[in-house]
Amino acid sequence: MKEFQTLKSDITKTRIFEVEIDSNDLDNDEIIVQIETFSFTANNISYGVAGDSLGYWQFFPAKENVDEKWGCIPMWGFAKVITSRNKKIQENERLFGYFPPSDYLKLKPAKITEQNFFDSVSHRRDLPIIYNNYLRLDGEIGYEESNDYVRALLFPLHLTAYCLCDALKCENYFDGDQVIILSASSKTAIGLAQGLSEENILPKVLGLTSSRNSEFVEDLGCYDKVLSYDQIENIDFDKNSVLVDMAGNSSIMEKLTNSLGDNLKKCLTVGATHWQKISSSDEVINNVQDSRFEFFFAPGHAQKRAGELGQKLFNTNSNEFLKRRSEDSKKWMQIKEIKGFGELSNNYDAMLNGDVDPKLGLIINLNK
């Protein structure tokens, strides 16, 4: 089998590693899945940047990695069960969930229902439960295979967008007059802006993006105003403001925080699309020693709100949000399918450097 591995200390370095998998080396209740397709977005780059700080390297330890220098960046996608020693899981059934960039993965299903199960392998037990959940597509009501690629691309991003919308609403938008979203062309930012536009909220939504992406972001129609990073001086700094930082760009953040001063009511750091501007992975979590600054961890918010609302209502609300965002995406997203780890490697640097067209949704197909 092949596995796409990333050097933990320098995510610009990768390798495609060949390892053997023994389908006979299975304990009772374990299964082996063959990974079919997965998406690759700037969100995956954020997983690598925060791999140590937030534990993303722990999900799928790299094979043949004695010194533990290499890691597997998690991906969202689809897989088929090829070997099962679990009486409740059938061979050939398909799953959606969190996978390594690899041909195969061994799982130990627990809490099995017709709709889903959780991987209970020991090294994942203490990690956020949302990442250990695998959906059984045969048991999903209304499942449409034609939506697989959109789901792989947008489910994790727009679940984060939903949680951000929900968190801001719960806090009455921190009494802000404007919500400023950095890296406004990112798919998570688009989902957030679209969600906020549905609320008819008092704060205006301002998108900051690169000059080359400004026209694309404006055409989306979900931001009240769009500015490029070199137009920051045109922001009304006298307004109470909430920053949502998808970019992780320290220099931009410094300009904004200095200019806003006490008018900055809250800053939620979400991602790291401008990871090159971050001096360390810890900076993703805590750029400034200030209570107004908070790293927003969507799985933590989801778990909290599911406890407050009940899991059923939370699922209903979030699923409706995801359906609307998926429908919206048909107006602007262009899906590109590439084959295998070689082509993933060829596209990896472009994603790292932010050279991918924001309209593009990249899918890696391992079956072709």
Protein backbone atom coordinates (compact mmCIF):
# COMPACT_ATOMS: atom_id res chain seq x y z
CA MET A 1 0.00 0.00 0.00
CA LYS A 2 1.00 3.63 -0.47
CA GLU A 3 0.85 6.38 2.13
CA PHE A 4 1.39 10.13 1.63
CA GLN A 5 3.49 11.33 4.56
CA THR A 6 4.46 14.84 5.66
CA LEU A 7 7.50 15.86 7.69
CA LYS A 8 6.09 17.16 10.97
CA SER A 9 8.81 19.77 11.46
CA ASP A 10 8.52 21.12 7.90
CA ILE A 11 5.21 20.54 6.12
CA THR A 12 6.73 21.56 2.78
CA LYS A 13 8.50 18.16 2.70
CA THR A 14 6.53 15.04 1.80
CA ARG A 15 7.13 11.48 0.67
CA ILE A 16 5.05 8.63 -0.78
CA PHE A 17 5.88 5.58 1.29
CA GLU A 18 5.29 1.94 0.36
CA VAL A 19 4.24 -0.36 3.21
CA GLU A 20 2.61 -3.76 3.43
CA ILE A 21 -0.74 -4.43 5.05
CA ASP A 22 -1.65 -7.92 6.23
CA SER A 23 -5.39 -8.51 6.00
CA ASN A 24 -4.96 -11.56 8.22
CA ASP A 25 -3.53 -9.45 11.04
CA LEU A 26 -6.92 -8.45 12.42
CA ASP A 27 -8.30 -8.79 15.94
CA ASN A 28 -11.91 -9.71 16.52
CA ASP A 29 -14.27 -6.80 15.79
CA GLU A 30 -11.71 -5.01 13.58
CA ILE A 31 -12.12 -4.14 9.91
CA ILE A 32 -9.92 -2.98 7.02
CA VAL A 33 -11.21 -0.33 4.65
CA GLN A 34 -9.92 0.63 1.23
CA ILE A 35 -9.91 4.41 0.85
CA GLU A 36 -11.55 5.48 -2.40
CA THR A 37 -11.56 9.26 -2.56
CA PHE A 38 -10.82 12.23 -0.33
CA SER A 39 -10.78 16.01 -0.60
CA PHE A 40 -7.74 18.24 -0.23
CA THR A 41 -8.24 21.88 0.85
CA ALA A 42 -6.51 24.63 2.81
CA ASN A 43 -8.22 23.11 5.84
CA ASN A 44 -5.89 20.12 5.56
CA ILE A 45 -2.93 22.48 5.60
CA SER A 46 -4.25 23.86 8.89
CA TYR A 47 -4.32 20.30 10.26
CA GLY A 48 -0.62 20.02 9.45
CA VAL A 49 0.27 23.43 10.89
CA ALA A 50 -1.49 22.59 14.18
CA GLY A 51 -0.52 18.92 14.07
CA ASP A 52 1.43 19.03 17.34
CA SER A 53 -0.58 21.71 19.13
CA LEU A 54 -4.00 20.18 18.50
CA GLY A 55 -3.08 16.52 18.14
CA TYR A 56 -3.84 16.01 14.46
CA TRP A 57 -0.71 13.90 14.01
CA GLN A 58 -2.12 11.43 16.55
CA PHE A 59 -5.05 10.24 14.45
CA PHE A 60 -3.09 8.25 11.89
CA PRO A 61 0.52 7.54 12.91
CA ALA A 62 2.71 7.20 9.82
CA LYS A 63 3.82 3.70 8.95
CA GLU A 64 7.47 2.61 9.19
CA ASN A 65 8.24 5.74 11.17
CA VAL A 66 10.51 4.72 14.03
CA ASP A 67 11.80 8.22 14.79
CA GLU A 68 8.24 9.68 14.56
CA LYS A 69 9.42 12.50 12.31
CA TRP A 70 6.76 11.84 9.70
CA GLY A 71 3.01 12.21 9.98
CA CYS A 72 -0.20 11.75 8.01
CA ILE A 73 -2.36 14.84 7.49
CA PRO A 74 -6.00 13.73 7.97
CA MET A 75 -8.38 13.92 5.04
CA TRP A 76 -12.18 13.69 4.71
CA GLY A 77 -13.47 11.13 2.26
CA PHE A 78 -14.98 7.76 1.42
CA ALA A 79 -13.88 4.16 1.85
CA LYS A 80 -15.15 0.62 1.29
CA VAL A 81 -14.93 -2.22 3.83
CA ILE A 82 -12.81 -4.97 2.24
CA THR A 83 -12.21 -7.22 5.26
CA SER A 84 -14.40 -7.51 8.35
CA ARG A 85 -14.11 -9.52 11.52
CA ASN A 86 -16.96 -7.57 13.02
CA LYS A 87 -20.34 -9.29 12.82
CA LYS A 88 -22.17 -5.96 12.61
CA ILE A 89 -20.11 -4.53 9.74
CA GLN A 90 -20.49 -6.03 6.28
CA GLU A 91 -17.81 -6.27 3.64
CA ASN A 92 -18.31 -3.99 0.61
CA GLU A 93 -20.31 -1.40 2.53
CA ARG A 94 -19.15 2.19 2.10
CA LEU A 95 -18.24 4.74 4.75
CA PHE A 96 -17.75 8.49 4.99
CA GLY A 97 -15.36 9.98 7.54
CA TYR A 98 -11.82 10.90 8.56
CA PHE A 99 -9.00 9.01 6.85
CA PRO A 100 -5.26 9.20 6.31
CA PRO A 101 -3.90 9.85 2.79
CA SER A 102 -3.37 6.13 2.36
CA ASP A 103 -4.74 3.18 0.43
CA TYR A 104 -6.01 1.32 3.49
CA LEU A 105 -6.91 1.82 7.15
CA LYS A 106 -7.64 -0.57 10.01
CA LEU A 107 -10.57 0.41 12.25
CA LYS A 108 -12.07 -0.97 15.44
CA PRO A 109 -15.80 -0.11 15.30
CA ALA A 110 -17.69 0.56 18.53
CA LYS A 111 -21.10 2.03 19.41
CA ILE A 112 -22.39 0.60 16.14
CA THR A 113 -25.79 1.61 14.77
CA GLU A 114 -27.26 1.23 11.29
CA GLN A 115 -26.18 4.80 10.54
CA ASN A 116 -22.70 5.04 12.04
CA PHE A 117 -19.97 3.75 14.34
CA PHE A 118 -16.95 5.16 16.19
CA ASP A 119 -13.36 4.01 15.87
CA SER A 120 -12.23 2.83 19.31
CA VAL A 121 -8.57 2.11 18.55
CA SER A 122 -6.56 3.03 21.65
CA HIS A 123 -4.56 5.98 20.26
CA ARG A 124 -7.76 7.79 19.16
CA ARG A 125 -9.92 7.35 22.27
CA ASP A 126 -9.04 10.70 23.83
CA LEU A 127 -9.27 12.68 20.58
CA PRO A 128 -12.37 14.74 19.61
CA ILE A 129 -15.28 12.37 19.03
CA ILE A 130 -16.47 14.12 15.87
CA TYR A 131 -13.33 12.93 14.07
CA ASN A 132 -13.82 9.32 15.16
CA ASN A 133 -17.35 9.06 13.74
CA TYR A 134 -17.86 7.04 10.54
CA LEU A 135 -21.15 7.22 8.63
CA ARG A 136 -22.49 3.99 7.12
CA LEU A 137 -23.89 5.07 3.79
CA ASP A 138 -26.13 2.02 3.33
CA GLY A 139 -28.04 3.13 6.42
CA GLU A 140 -28.32 6.79 5.51
CA ILE A 141 -31.79 7.99 4.57
CA GLY A 142 -31.79 9.89 1.29
CA TYR A 143 -28.14 9.18 0.52
CA GLU A 144 -27.11 10.24 -3.00
CA GLU A 145 -23.75 9.08 -4.28
CA SER A 146 -23.70 11.95 -6.78
CA ASN A 147 -23.12 14.35 -3.85
CA ASP A 148 -20.04 12.52 -2.54
CA TYR A 149 -17.46 15.00 -3.80
CA VAL A 150 -19.31 18.05 -2.51
CA ARG A 151 -19.72 16.31 0.84
CA ALA A 152 -16.02 15.47 1.13
CA LEU A 153 -15.06 19.03 0.24
CA LEU A 154 -17.58 20.99 2.27
CA PHE A 155 -18.78 18.90 5.22
CA PRO A 156 -15.82 19.67 7.53
CA LEU A 157 -15.51 23.27 6.37
CA HIS A 158 -19.16 24.15 6.61
CA LEU A 159 -19.62 22.36 9.90
CA THR A 160 -16.97 24.76 11.20
CA ALA A 161 -18.86 27.63 9.51
CA TYR A 162 -22.09 26.52 11.21
CA CYS A 163 -20.39 26.37 14.60
CA LEU A 164 -18.95 29.86 14.07
CA CYS A 165 -22.37 31.26 13.14
CA ASP A 166 -23.89 29.59 16.17
CA ALA A 167 -21.15 30.80 18.53
CA LEU A 168 -21.40 34.39 17.31
CA LYS A 169 -25.17 34.36 17.62
CA CYS A 170 -25.02 32.91 21.14
CA GLU A 171 -22.73 35.77 22.17
CA ASN A 172 -24.87 38.43 20.45
CA TYR A 173 -21.93 38.97 18.09
CA PHE A 174 -19.93 40.31 21.04
CA ASP A 175 -21.79 43.60 20.57
CA GLY A 176 -19.88 44.22 17.37
CA ASP A 177 -21.00 46.58 14.63
CA GLN A 178 -19.03 44.66 12.02
CA VAL A 179 -17.65 41.15 11.58
CA ILE A 180 -14.36 41.17 9.65
CA ILE A 181 -13.45 37.84 8.03
CA LEU A 182 -9.85 37.29 6.92
CA SER A 183 -9.13 34.99 3.97
CA ALA A 184 -12.65 35.67 2.74
CA SER A 185 -12.20 33.48 -0.35
CA SER A 186 -11.67 30.31 1.70
CA LYS A 187 -14.51 27.81 1.65
CA THR A 188 -15.02 28.03 5.42
CA ALA A 189 -15.19 31.82 5.23
CA ILE A 190 -17.72 31.65 2.39
CA GLY A 191 -19.91 29.29 4.43
CA LEU A 192 -19.68 31.60 7.44
CA ALA A 193 -20.55 34.73 5.40
CA GLN A 194 -23.48 32.96 3.75
CA GLY A 195 -24.74 31.79 7.14
CA LEU A 196 -24.46 35.26 8.65
CA SER A 197 -26.27 36.78 5.68
CA GLU A 198 -29.25 34.52 6.43
CA GLU A 199 -29.58 35.89 9.95
CA ASN A 200 -30.30 39.50 8.95
CA ILE A 201 -27.89 40.44 11.73
CA LEU A 202 -27.09 43.99 12.80
CA PRO A 203 -23.31 43.72 12.28
CA LYS A 204 -22.13 44.18 8.71
CA VAL A 205 -19.94 41.44 7.27
CA LEU A 206 -16.65 42.61 5.76
CA GLY A 207 -14.44 40.22 3.80
CA LEU A 208 -10.67 40.68 3.51
CA THR A 209 -8.91 38.82 0.72
CA SER A 210 -6.05 39.08 -1.74
CA SER A 211 -6.43 41.51 -4.62
CA ARG A 212 -6.48 38.65 -7.14
CA ASN A 213 -9.48 37.06 -5.38
CA SER A 214 -11.43 40.27 -4.73
CA GLU A 215 -13.68 40.00 -7.79
CA PHE A 216 -14.54 36.37 -7.02
CA VAL A 217 -15.44 37.21 -3.42
CA GLU A 218 -17.53 40.23 -4.43
CA ASP A 219 -19.45 38.12 -6.97
CA LEU A 220 -20.48 35.69 -4.22
CA GLY A 221 -22.84 38.35 -2.86
CA CYS A 222 -22.64 37.19 0.75
CA TYR A 223 -20.37 39.98 2.07
CA ASP A 224 -21.61 43.50 2.70
CA LYS A 225 -18.19 44.82 1.68
CA VAL A 226 -15.01 43.28 0.27
CA LEU A 227 -11.54 44.79 0.61
CA SER A 228 -8.13 43.49 -0.41
CA TYR A 229 -5.37 43.29 2.17
CA ASP A 230 -3.71 46.39 0.73
CA GLN A 231 -6.94 48.35 1.34
CA ILE A 232 -7.04 47.78 5.09
CA GLU A 233 -6.88 51.53 5.72
CA ASN A 234 -10.41 51.77 4.25
CA ILE A 235 -11.89 49.85 7.19
CA ASP A 236 -13.90 51.94 9.64
CA PHE A 237 -11.79 51.37 12.74
CA ASP A 238 -14.16 53.43 14.89
CA LYS A 239 -16.72 50.61 14.81
CA ASN A 240 -16.86 47.86 17.42
CA SER A 241 -15.46 44.89 15.54
CA VAL A 242 -15.21 41.11 15.67
CA LEU A 243 -12.39 39.47 13.73
CA VAL A 244 -12.65 35.93 12.39
CA ASP A 245 -9.16 34.95 11.33
CA MET A 246 -9.05 32.15 8.75
CA ALA A 247 -5.62 33.24 7.55
CA GLY A 248 -3.19 33.12 10.46
CA ASN A 249 -1.27 36.05 8.97
CA SER A 250 0.54 37.74 11.86
CA SER A 251 1.38 40.96 10.02
CA ILE A 252 -2.22 41.55 8.93
CA MET A 253 -3.49 40.75 12.41
CA GLU A 254 -1.03 43.20 13.95
CA LYS A 255 -2.23 45.98 11.66
CA LEU A 256 -5.87 45.28 12.45
CA THR A 257 -5.49 44.95 16.21
CA ASN A 258 -3.35 48.09 16.47
CA SER A 259 -5.78 50.10 14.34
CA LEU A 260 -8.90 48.87 16.14
CA GLY A 261 -7.52 49.22 19.66
CA ASP A 262 -10.31 48.99 22.22
CA ASN A 263 -12.87 48.70 19.43
CA LEU A 264 -11.74 45.12 18.89
CA LYS A 265 -14.28 43.15 20.90
CA LYS A 266 -13.27 39.61 19.92
CA CYS A 267 -10.93 37.73 17.63
CA LEU A 268 -11.65 34.11 16.77
CA THR A 269 -8.72 32.32 15.12
CA VAL A 270 -9.90 29.41 13.00
CA GLY A 271 -7.35 28.39 10.39
CA ALA A 272 -3.96 29.04 8.88
CA THR A 273 -4.25 29.58 5.13
CA HIS A 274 -1.27 31.95 5.41
CA TRP A 275 0.72 29.42 7.42
CA GLN A 276 4.06 30.77 6.11
CA LYS A 277 3.51 33.95 8.16
CA ILE A 278 3.27 31.98 11.41
CA SER A 279 6.50 31.66 13.34
CA SER A 280 5.42 28.56 15.24
CA SER A 281 2.46 26.18 15.46
CA ASP A 282 1.66 27.58 18.91
CA GLU A 283 0.96 30.93 17.29
CA VAL A 284 -2.07 29.38 15.58
CA ILE A 285 -3.60 28.94 19.01
CA ASN A 286 -2.46 32.05 20.83
CA ASN A 287 -1.20 34.98 18.79
CA VAL A 288 -1.74 37.51 21.55
CA GLN A 289 -1.92 37.19 25.33
CA ASP A 290 -5.31 38.83 25.55
CA SER A 291 -8.67 37.42 26.63
CA ARG A 292 -10.28 38.89 23.52
CA PHE A 293 -8.28 36.44 21.42
CA GLU A 294 -9.47 32.86 21.25
CA PHE A 295 -8.66 29.84 19.13
CA PHE A 296 -11.99 28.53 17.88
CA PHE A 297 -12.12 24.73 17.94
CA ALA A 298 -15.28 23.66 16.13
CA PRO A 299 -15.44 20.10 17.55
CA GLY A 300 -15.37 21.53 21.06
CA HIS A 301 -18.20 23.93 20.28
CA ALA A 302 -20.20 21.16 18.59
CA GLN A 303 -19.86 18.92 21.63
CA LYS A 304 -20.86 21.75 23.97
CA ARG A 305 -23.92 22.73 21.95
CA ALA A 306 -25.03 19.14 21.44
CA GLY A 307 -25.04 18.85 25.23
CA GLU A 308 -27.11 22.03 25.60
CA LEU A 309 -29.56 21.46 22.76
CA GLY A 310 -29.56 17.68 22.64
CA GLN A 311 -27.75 15.77 19.92
CA LYS A 312 -30.87 15.39 17.76
CA LEU A 313 -31.65 19.12 17.56
CA PHE A 314 -28.02 20.03 17.02
CA ASN A 315 -27.80 17.51 14.17
CA THR A 316 -31.02 18.81 12.61
CA ASN A 317 -29.89 22.44 12.73
CA SER A 318 -26.38 21.76 11.46
CA ASN A 319 -27.56 19.39 8.70
CA GLU A 320 -30.01 21.99 7.39
CA PHE A 321 -27.19 24.55 7.34
CA LEU A 322 -24.94 22.11 5.46
CA LYS A 323 -27.64 21.37 2.88
CA ARG A 324 -28.11 25.08 2.16
CA ARG A 325 -24.38 25.66 1.82
CA SER A 326 -23.99 22.67 -0.48
CA GLU A 327 -26.75 24.03 -2.70
CA ASP A 328 -25.09 27.47 -2.68
CA SER A 329 -21.77 25.91 -3.70
CA LYS A 330 -23.22 24.78 -7.04
CA LYS A 331 -23.22 28.42 -8.10
CA TRP A 332 -19.48 28.93 -7.65
CA MET A 333 -17.46 25.78 -6.92
CA GLN A 334 -15.72 23.83 -9.67
CA ILE A 335 -14.70 20.29 -8.73
CA LYS A 336 -11.46 18.90 -10.12
CA GLU A 337 -10.70 15.19 -9.79
CA ILE A 338 -7.09 14.01 -9.81
CA LYS A 339 -5.65 10.50 -9.65
CA GLY A 340 -3.52 8.98 -6.90
CA PHE A 341 -0.78 10.18 -4.60
CA GLY A 342 1.52 11.25 -7.43
CA GLU A 343 -0.95 13.92 -8.56
CA LEU A 344 -1.64 14.84 -4.93
CA SER A 345 2.09 15.47 -4.57
CA ASN A 346 2.04 17.60 -7.75
CA ASN A 347 -0.78 19.77 -6.33
CA TYR A 348 0.48 19.88 -2.74
CA ASP A 349 2.85 22.84 -3.13
CA ALA A 350 0.20 24.94 -4.87
CA MET A 351 -2.16 24.42 -1.92
CA LEU A 352 0.62 25.25 0.55
CA ASN A 353 1.43 28.47 -1.29
CA GLY A 354 -2.19 29.53 -1.73
CA ASP A 355 -1.92 29.28 -5.50
CA VAL A 356 -5.13 27.29 -5.96
CA ASP A 357 -8.11 29.05 -7.55
CA PRO A 358 -10.64 29.63 -4.72
CA LYS A 359 -13.41 28.27 -6.96
CA LEU A 360 -11.60 24.93 -7.20
CA GLY A 361 -12.56 21.90 -5.12
CA LEU A 362 -9.83 19.25 -5.32
CA ILE A 363 -10.72 15.55 -5.06
CA ILE A 364 -8.12 12.76 -5.02
CA ASN A 365 -9.38 9.50 -6.46
CA LEU A 366 -7.36 6.42 -5.48
CA ASN A 367 -9.39 4.00 -7.60
CA LYS A 368 -8.33 5.31 -11.02
